[in-house]
């Protein structure tokens, strides 16, 4: 089994979910005491969040490349970036690392298309919903993408940073997300992409009238696929 390199800490709550799913999926497939060989580089999210807010994406890219190179030196055979938003700098990782990057949006798109869905509602941070990097990657797989209106995008962004990334799960926020999901379904979304790894701490398939695609879980399972190939 190949060694998986995890670029995490953004936030650590979602990285912990990656680690759990990687090991549960490995044990499910191989049985017994098997677990996933992996190395983790956990960044300080406060520093990365400041770079995001100030638009210093080049600096953020350098920080993530350095983390990926550290994983490579530690023996990782491919890299997994455990955050949707920071795939904003995935091109830098793909070009500067000596090991492959398993792109989260590609893993998500494969699951969406396998389910026969071609139009999704995208939930995530404002960066993920409003900038082109993620929507265009899904579109390259033939998937139409809908996003909530500006007020709801702001609400979702606040909940992610002020609550979920700090380990806070509130019922009123879950109700707000359910309302937004229902609205996207009414607008024609045939599936909902949980395009922020922390959202999976708040929303499940039971909260949506259409299929839900939990990106962290899908990404982690795809990592096990790659490691076992």
Foldseek 3Di string as FASTA:
>chain_A
DAEEEEEEPLPVVLVVVLQVLQFVLQCVVPNDPDGHHYDYDHDPNVVVVVCVVVVVLVVVLVVSLVSLQVRVVVRHQEYEYRWLLNCVNVVSNCPRDPHYYDDLLVLLLVVCVVVVFAEEEEADACSCQPDPSNQVSSVVSRHHYDYFDPVLNVLRNCCVVVALSVPHEDPVSLVSVLVRQVVVVVVPHQEYEDSTQSCVVHDDCVSHPHHYRRRSSSSSSVVSVVRVD
